[in-house]
């Protein structure tokens, strides 16, 4: 498999951009064909973990319990 490494847009110096000028689009990292796969840290990143994820999970559980109690009260 051949990887095209040529830039898709002309490279611009961000210091030359003025207000109102378009920002050049970001380009994803080139993927490798190595076996086993060699990934850059950006490609390998899964996402954020820790306290924000825990809060979302706990909040969803609390909402599910509130809904359950509401249905139980309406059903009986």
N, C-alpha and C. Protein backbone atom coordinates (compact mmCIF):
# COMPACT_ATOMS: atom_id res chain seq x y z
N UNK A 1 0.84 -1.17 0.00
CA UNK A 1 0.00 0.00 0.00
C UNK A 1 0.89 1.23 0.00
N UNK A 2 0.58 2.17 -0.84
CA UNK A 2 1.36 3.39 -0.95
C UNK A 2 0.64 4.52 -0.23
N UNK A 3 1.41 5.28 0.52
CA UNK A 3 0.85 6.40 1.26
C UNK A 3 1.31 7.69 0.59
N UNK A 4 0.36 8.53 0.24
CA UNK A 4 0.68 9.82 -0.36
C UNK A 4 1.05 10.79 0.75
N UNK A 5 2.32 11.21 0.78
CA UNK A 5 2.77 12.08 1.86
C UNK A 5 2.84 13.54 1.43
N UNK A 6 2.41 13.85 0.22
CA UNK A 6 2.43 15.24 -0.23
C UNK A 6 1.33 16.03 0.49
N UNK A 7 1.60 17.25 0.87
CA UNK A 7 0.56 18.06 1.52
C UNK A 7 -0.57 18.35 0.54
N UNK A 8 -1.78 18.33 1.04
CA UNK A 8 -2.96 18.56 0.20
C UNK A 8 -3.21 20.05 -0.03
N UNK A 9 -2.72 20.87 0.85
CA UNK A 9 -2.87 22.32 0.70
C UNK A 9 -1.49 22.95 0.83
N UNK A 10 -1.30 24.10 0.25
CA UNK A 10 0.01 24.75 0.41
C UNK A 10 0.29 25.05 1.88
N UNK A 11 1.52 24.84 2.29
CA UNK A 11 1.91 25.09 3.67
C UNK A 11 2.03 26.59 3.87
N UNK A 12 1.37 27.10 4.92
CA UNK A 12 1.40 28.52 5.21
C UNK A 12 1.96 28.72 6.61
N UNK A 13 2.63 29.82 6.78
CA UNK A 13 3.16 30.18 8.09
C UNK A 13 2.01 30.79 8.90
N UNK A 14 1.63 30.18 10.05
CA UNK A 14 0.52 30.74 10.83
C UNK A 14 0.77 32.18 11.27
N UNK A 15 2.03 32.60 11.37
CA UNK A 15 2.32 33.97 11.77
C UNK A 15 1.94 34.98 10.71
N UNK A 16 1.81 34.54 9.45
CA UNK A 16 1.46 35.45 8.37
C UNK A 16 -0.05 35.64 8.23
N UNK A 17 -0.83 34.79 8.86
CA UNK A 17 -2.28 34.90 8.74
C UNK A 17 -2.78 36.12 9.50
N UNK A 18 -3.69 36.83 8.90
CA UNK A 18 -4.28 38.01 9.54
C UNK A 18 -5.73 37.70 9.86
N UNK A 19 -6.33 38.53 10.69
CA UNK A 19 -7.73 38.35 11.04
C UNK A 19 -8.60 38.29 9.80
N UNK A 20 -9.46 37.31 9.72
CA UNK A 20 -10.36 37.17 8.58
C UNK A 20 -9.81 36.27 7.50
N UNK A 21 -8.49 35.97 7.52
CA UNK A 21 -7.92 35.05 6.54
C UNK A 21 -8.33 33.63 6.92
N UNK A 22 -8.54 32.77 5.92
CA UNK A 22 -8.91 31.39 6.24
C UNK A 22 -7.74 30.66 6.90
N UNK A 23 -8.08 29.76 7.79
CA UNK A 23 -7.08 28.95 8.48
C UNK A 23 -6.87 27.69 7.64
N UNK A 24 -5.63 27.30 7.38
CA UNK A 24 -5.42 26.09 6.59
C UNK A 24 -5.97 24.87 7.33
N UNK A 25 -6.59 23.94 6.61
CA UNK A 25 -7.18 22.78 7.29
C UNK A 25 -6.11 21.89 7.90
N UNK A 26 -6.48 21.22 9.00
CA UNK A 26 -5.56 20.30 9.65
C UNK A 26 -5.57 19.00 8.87
N UNK A 27 -4.46 18.30 8.90
CA UNK A 27 -4.33 17.05 8.16
C UNK A 27 -3.99 15.94 9.15
N UNK A 28 -4.63 14.80 8.99
CA UNK A 28 -4.39 13.67 9.87
C UNK A 28 -2.98 13.13 9.66
N UNK A 29 -2.45 12.47 10.67
CA UNK A 29 -1.15 11.84 10.56
C UNK A 29 -1.19 10.74 9.51
N UNK A 30 -0.06 10.52 8.86
CA UNK A 30 0.04 9.42 7.90
C UNK A 30 0.10 8.11 8.66
N UNK A 31 -0.60 7.11 8.17
CA UNK A 31 -0.62 5.80 8.80
C UNK A 31 0.55 4.97 8.30
N UNK A 32 1.00 4.05 9.10
CA UNK A 32 2.14 3.22 8.71
C UNK A 32 1.65 1.84 8.29
N UNK A 33 2.48 1.16 7.52
CA UNK A 33 2.18 -0.21 7.08
C UNK A 33 3.02 -1.23 7.84
N UNK A 34 3.69 -0.82 8.88
CA UNK A 34 4.58 -1.71 9.61
C UNK A 34 3.79 -2.83 10.27
N UNK A 35 4.46 -3.98 10.46
CA UNK A 35 3.81 -5.11 11.12
C UNK A 35 4.67 -5.51 12.30
N UNK A 36 4.32 -5.45 13.52
CA UNK A 36 3.04 -4.97 14.02
C UNK A 36 2.89 -3.46 13.81
N UNK A 37 1.65 -3.03 13.84
CA UNK A 37 1.34 -1.63 13.53
C UNK A 37 2.06 -0.69 14.49
N UNK A 38 2.59 0.37 13.94
CA UNK A 38 3.23 1.41 14.74
C UNK A 38 2.33 2.63 14.64
N UNK A 39 1.83 3.08 15.77
CA UNK A 39 0.90 4.20 15.79
C UNK A 39 1.52 5.40 16.49
N UNK A 40 1.14 6.56 16.02
CA UNK A 40 1.56 7.77 16.71
C UNK A 40 0.71 7.92 17.97
N UNK A 41 1.14 8.72 18.94
CA UNK A 41 0.32 8.91 20.14
C UNK A 41 -1.07 9.45 19.83
N UNK A 42 -1.20 10.27 18.79
CA UNK A 42 -2.50 10.82 18.44
C UNK A 42 -3.42 9.72 17.90
N UNK A 43 -2.88 8.82 17.08
CA UNK A 43 -3.69 7.73 16.54
C UNK A 43 -4.09 6.74 17.62
N UNK A 44 -3.21 6.50 18.59
CA UNK A 44 -3.46 5.49 19.61
C UNK A 44 -4.39 5.99 20.71
N UNK A 45 -4.59 7.28 20.83
CA UNK A 45 -5.37 7.82 21.93
C UNK A 45 -6.84 7.42 21.81
N UNK A 46 -7.39 6.93 22.89
CA UNK A 46 -8.78 6.49 22.92
C UNK A 46 -9.72 7.61 23.32
N UNK A 47 -9.32 8.43 24.22
CA UNK A 47 -10.19 9.49 24.72
C UNK A 47 -9.87 9.77 26.18
N UNK A 48 -10.67 10.64 26.77
CA UNK A 48 -10.43 11.03 28.15
C UNK A 48 -11.03 10.00 29.09
N UNK A 49 -10.36 9.77 30.19
CA UNK A 49 -10.86 8.91 31.25
C UNK A 49 -10.83 9.71 32.54
N UNK A 50 -11.28 9.09 33.59
CA UNK A 50 -11.18 9.74 34.89
C UNK A 50 -12.49 10.28 35.39
N UNK A 51 -12.40 11.39 36.11
CA UNK A 51 -13.54 11.94 36.81
C UNK A 51 -14.71 12.33 35.89
N UNK A 52 -14.52 12.99 34.72
CA UNK A 52 -15.67 13.35 33.89
C UNK A 52 -16.45 12.12 33.41
N UNK A 53 -15.76 11.06 33.07
CA UNK A 53 -16.44 9.85 32.61
C UNK A 53 -17.22 9.23 33.76
N UNK A 54 -16.63 9.20 34.92
CA UNK A 54 -17.31 8.66 36.10
C UNK A 54 -18.57 9.46 36.42
N UNK A 55 -18.50 10.78 36.31
CA UNK A 55 -19.67 11.61 36.59
C UNK A 55 -20.80 11.34 35.59
N UNK A 56 -20.47 11.14 34.34
CA UNK A 56 -21.50 10.83 33.34
C UNK A 56 -22.14 9.48 33.65
N UNK A 57 -21.34 8.49 34.00
CA UNK A 57 -21.89 7.17 34.33
C UNK A 57 -22.77 7.21 35.58
N UNK A 58 -22.33 7.91 36.61
CA UNK A 58 -23.12 8.03 37.84
C UNK A 58 -24.39 8.82 37.57
N UNK A 59 -24.29 9.88 36.79
CA UNK A 59 -25.49 10.67 36.46
C UNK A 59 -26.51 9.85 35.68
N UNK A 60 -26.05 9.03 34.75
CA UNK A 60 -26.96 8.16 34.00
C UNK A 60 -27.63 7.14 34.90
N UNK A 61 -26.88 6.60 35.83
CA UNK A 61 -27.45 5.63 36.77
C UNK A 61 -28.50 6.28 37.66
N UNK A 62 -28.23 7.49 38.13
CA UNK A 62 -29.20 8.21 38.96
C UNK A 62 -30.47 8.51 38.17
N UNK A 63 -30.33 8.96 36.92
CA UNK A 63 -31.52 9.22 36.10
C UNK A 63 -32.32 7.95 35.84
N UNK A 64 -31.64 6.83 35.64
CA UNK A 64 -32.35 5.56 35.43
C UNK A 64 -33.13 5.16 36.69
N UNK A 65 -32.54 5.37 37.87
CA UNK A 65 -33.24 5.04 39.12
C UNK A 65 -34.44 5.96 39.33
N UNK A 66 -34.30 7.24 39.01
CA UNK A 66 -35.43 8.18 39.14
C UNK A 66 -36.55 7.76 38.20
N UNK A 67 -36.23 7.39 36.98
CA UNK A 67 -37.25 6.94 36.03
C UNK A 67 -37.92 5.67 36.53
N UNK A 68 -37.14 4.74 37.07
CA UNK A 68 -37.69 3.48 37.58
C UNK A 68 -38.69 3.77 38.72
N UNK A 69 -38.29 4.63 39.65
CA UNK A 69 -39.18 4.97 40.77
C UNK A 69 -40.44 5.64 40.25
N UNK A 70 -40.31 6.52 39.26
CA UNK A 70 -41.49 7.18 38.68
C UNK A 70 -42.44 6.19 38.05
N UNK A 71 -41.92 5.22 37.32
CA UNK A 71 -42.78 4.21 36.69
C UNK A 71 -43.44 3.35 37.75
N UNK A 72 -42.70 2.97 38.78
CA UNK A 72 -43.27 2.16 39.87
C UNK A 72 -44.41 2.91 40.57
N UNK A 73 -44.25 4.21 40.77
CA UNK A 73 -45.30 4.97 41.45
C UNK A 73 -46.54 5.11 40.57
N UNK A 74 -46.34 5.25 39.26
CA UNK A 74 -47.49 5.39 38.36
C UNK A 74 -48.19 4.05 38.13
N UNK A 75 -47.45 2.95 38.18
CA UNK A 75 -48.02 1.63 37.87
C UNK A 75 -48.82 1.07 39.04
N UNK A 76 -48.48 1.41 40.26
CA UNK A 76 -49.18 0.81 41.41
C UNK A 76 -49.89 1.85 42.22
